Amino acid sequence: MLSERLRQFPVAAALEAWNPGAVVGGSSNLAELTLEIAPANILEVCRFLKHQHNFVRLSDLTAVDWRPLEPRFEVVYHLHCLERNERLRLKCRLGEPAEIDSVTGVWRSADWYEREVWDLFGIRFRLHPDLQRILMPEGWAGHPLRKDYPVHGHRYDYQERED
């Protein structure tokens, strides 16, 4: 349920009217709106925001590891409506195993962002067309931006593999 303060934002009010269970929290700071979305609803919320409210640009998608807090992970989507020059931040909290629907079907730009989050945090994006490492070498053990990843890293043989 949105607070009265958040209902003053037309997009937040419209989203709550469209699907009252999709928004589980939010905040605003310096006229920037952040909405916390139930992970099960992220794909339909993104479609709604793109097609009904013209958030046609996904400018970034990233993650945060809040370990030892639970739920541990937070996936963060930065949306931009070019028509109104309006920005919106969506957040989804995920426990272990961290998994959420891919939004590549809504914004093609999500492809590499989701691959990067998978590679560095180990968060799986269901139905992603090509979820594989993008920054770390193939065969790398672990996900280096997790807070439980060893500070010293792992030993890795960087020599070329013979196939």
Protein backbone atom coordinates (compact mmCIF):
# COMPACT_ATOMS: atom_id res chain seq x y z
CA MET A 1 0.00 0.00 0.00
CA LEU A 2 1.38 3.36 -1.04
CA SER A 3 1.68 6.27 1.35
CA GLU A 4 -0.19 9.51 0.62
CA ARG A 5 3.12 11.12 -0.26
CA LEU A 6 3.83 8.53 -2.96
CA ARG A 7 0.28 8.69 -4.35
CA GLN A 8 1.04 12.28 -5.37
CA PHE A 9 3.19 10.85 -8.17
CA PRO A 10 0.85 10.05 -11.08
CA VAL A 11 2.80 6.97 -12.17
CA ALA A 12 2.74 5.51 -8.64
CA ALA A 13 -0.99 6.13 -8.28
CA ALA A 14 -1.67 4.59 -11.71
CA LEU A 15 0.45 1.53 -10.91
CA GLU A 16 -1.35 0.98 -7.61
CA ALA A 17 -4.75 1.37 -9.29
CA TRP A 18 -3.74 -1.09 -12.04
CA ASN A 19 -2.31 -3.76 -9.69
CA PRO A 20 -2.55 -2.99 -5.95
CA GLY A 21 -0.29 -5.91 -4.94
CA ALA A 22 2.58 -5.04 -7.29
CA VAL A 23 3.99 -2.16 -5.25
CA VAL A 24 5.18 -3.22 -1.79
CA GLY A 25 6.88 0.03 -0.79
CA GLY A 26 8.67 3.07 -2.01
CA SER A 27 10.18 6.44 -1.30
CA SER A 28 10.85 9.78 -2.89
CA ASN A 29 13.85 11.99 -2.42
CA LEU A 30 14.50 15.24 -4.28
CA ALA A 31 11.48 14.53 -6.50
CA GLU A 32 12.94 11.17 -7.58
CA LEU A 33 10.57 8.25 -7.15
CA THR A 34 11.67 4.77 -6.09
CA LEU A 35 9.12 1.97 -5.99
CA GLU A 36 9.71 -1.44 -4.47
CA ILE A 37 8.03 -4.06 -6.62
CA ALA A 38 7.08 -7.61 -5.65
CA PRO A 39 9.54 -9.79 -7.64
CA ALA A 40 6.76 -11.96 -9.06
CA ASN A 41 5.27 -8.85 -10.70
CA ILE A 42 8.37 -7.24 -12.21
CA LEU A 43 7.77 -8.31 -15.81
CA GLU A 44 4.14 -7.18 -15.97
CA VAL A 45 4.98 -3.93 -14.13
CA CYS A 46 7.75 -3.15 -16.64
CA ARG A 47 5.41 -3.84 -19.57
CA PHE A 48 2.76 -1.58 -18.01
CA LEU A 49 5.25 1.24 -17.41
CA LYS A 50 6.65 1.02 -20.94
CA HIS A 51 3.37 0.75 -22.83
CA GLN A 52 1.04 2.82 -20.62
CA HIS A 53 3.43 5.44 -19.24
CA ASN A 54 6.09 5.68 -21.96
CA PHE A 55 9.10 4.58 -19.94
CA VAL A 56 10.68 3.50 -23.21
CA ARG A 57 14.28 3.53 -21.99
CA LEU A 58 15.91 1.21 -19.51
CA SER A 59 18.97 3.31 -18.68
CA ASP A 60 20.48 0.85 -16.21
CA LEU A 61 19.89 -2.40 -14.36
CA THR A 62 22.13 -3.36 -11.47
CA ALA A 63 22.11 -5.18 -8.14
CA VAL A 64 23.14 -4.76 -4.51
CA ASP A 65 24.19 -7.45 -2.04
CA TRP A 66 22.86 -6.53 1.43
CA ARG A 67 24.39 -9.55 3.18
CA PRO A 68 23.86 -10.37 6.08
CA LEU A 69 20.38 -8.82 5.76
CA GLU A 70 17.51 -10.86 4.35
CA PRO A 71 16.33 -10.80 1.70
CA ARG A 72 19.94 -10.56 0.64
CA PHE A 73 19.81 -9.11 -2.89
CA GLU A 74 18.19 -6.12 -4.49
CA VAL A 75 17.81 -5.77 -8.26
CA VAL A 76 17.52 -2.11 -9.31
CA TYR A 77 15.99 -0.88 -12.58
CA HIS A 78 16.44 2.73 -13.76
CA LEU A 79 13.72 3.77 -16.21
CA HIS A 80 13.45 6.94 -18.27
CA CYS A 81 10.44 8.48 -20.00
CA LEU A 82 11.96 10.60 -22.77
CA GLU A 83 8.66 12.32 -23.54
CA ARG A 84 8.38 13.83 -20.03
CA ASN A 85 12.07 13.54 -19.09
CA GLU A 86 10.88 11.60 -16.05
CA ARG A 87 12.96 9.01 -14.27
CA LEU A 88 11.78 6.13 -12.14
CA ARG A 89 13.69 3.61 -10.05
CA LEU A 90 12.27 0.14 -9.38
CA LYS A 91 13.70 -2.22 -6.78
CA CYS A 92 13.04 -5.91 -6.15
CA ARG A 93 14.31 -7.71 -3.05
CA LEU A 94 15.41 -11.32 -3.57
CA GLY A 95 16.47 -14.05 -1.18
CA GLU A 96 18.52 -17.14 -1.98
CA PRO A 97 18.44 -18.66 -4.52
CA ALA A 98 18.29 -15.28 -6.26
CA GLU A 99 16.12 -15.51 -9.37
CA ILE A 100 13.80 -13.10 -11.17
CA ASP A 101 12.11 -12.82 -14.57
CA SER A 102 14.14 -11.30 -17.39
CA VAL A 103 12.88 -8.01 -18.85
CA THR A 104 14.72 -8.47 -22.17
CA GLY A 105 11.33 -8.93 -23.83
CA VAL A 106 10.39 -5.40 -22.72
CA TRP A 107 13.70 -3.61 -23.32
CA ARG A 108 16.40 -5.23 -25.48
CA SER A 109 18.99 -3.16 -23.59
CA ALA A 110 18.37 -5.39 -20.54
CA ASP A 111 20.29 -8.20 -22.24
CA TRP A 112 23.81 -7.15 -21.30
CA TYR A 113 22.79 -5.57 -17.98
CA GLU A 114 21.24 -8.85 -16.85
CA ARG A 115 24.28 -10.79 -18.02
CA GLU A 116 26.51 -8.47 -16.00
CA VAL A 117 24.38 -8.89 -12.86
CA TRP A 118 24.40 -12.67 -13.36
CA ASP A 119 28.17 -12.70 -13.82
CA LEU A 120 29.03 -10.51 -10.83
CA PHE A 121 26.24 -11.33 -8.34
CA GLY A 122 24.92 -14.73 -9.44
CA ILE A 123 21.31 -13.54 -9.78
CA ARG A 124 19.53 -15.67 -12.40
CA PHE A 125 17.17 -14.07 -14.90
CA ARG A 126 14.50 -16.55 -15.96
CA LEU A 127 13.93 -16.82 -19.74
CA HIS A 128 16.97 -14.68 -20.58
CA PRO A 129 17.94 -15.53 -24.19
CA ASP A 130 21.69 -15.98 -23.52
CA LEU A 131 22.55 -15.87 -19.82
CA GLN A 132 26.30 -16.43 -19.75
CA ARG A 133 29.34 -14.67 -18.35
CA ILE A 134 30.14 -11.31 -19.87
CA LEU A 135 33.04 -9.93 -17.77
CA MET A 136 34.68 -12.86 -16.03
CA PRO A 137 36.43 -15.64 -17.99
CA GLU A 138 34.45 -18.76 -18.86
CA GLY A 139 34.86 -21.28 -16.06
CA TRP A 140 35.36 -18.63 -13.35
CA ALA A 141 34.31 -19.86 -9.91
CA GLY A 142 31.85 -17.67 -8.03
CA HIS A 143 30.50 -14.16 -8.43
CA PRO A 144 32.96 -11.43 -7.35
CA LEU A 145 30.54 -8.72 -6.19
CA ARG A 146 28.90 -10.94 -3.58
CA LYS A 147 29.90 -9.89 -0.10
CA ASP A 148 30.91 -13.44 0.78
CA TYR A 149 33.35 -13.65 -2.15
CA PRO A 150 36.94 -13.94 -0.86
CA VAL A 151 38.69 -10.57 -0.79
CA HIS A 152 41.83 -12.17 -2.21
CA GLY A 153 39.83 -13.78 -5.02
CA HIS A 154 40.43 -17.24 -6.43
CA ARG A 155 43.41 -18.57 -8.32
CA TYR A 156 42.71 -18.75 -12.02
CA ASP A 157 44.89 -19.86 -14.91
CA TYR A 158 44.62 -17.07 -17.48
CA GLN A 159 46.46 -19.00 -20.16
CA GLU A 160 44.44 -19.76 -23.25
CA ARG A 161 42.60 -23.03 -23.17
CA GLU A 162 43.04 -25.48 -25.99
CA ASP A 163 39.72 -26.70 -27.34
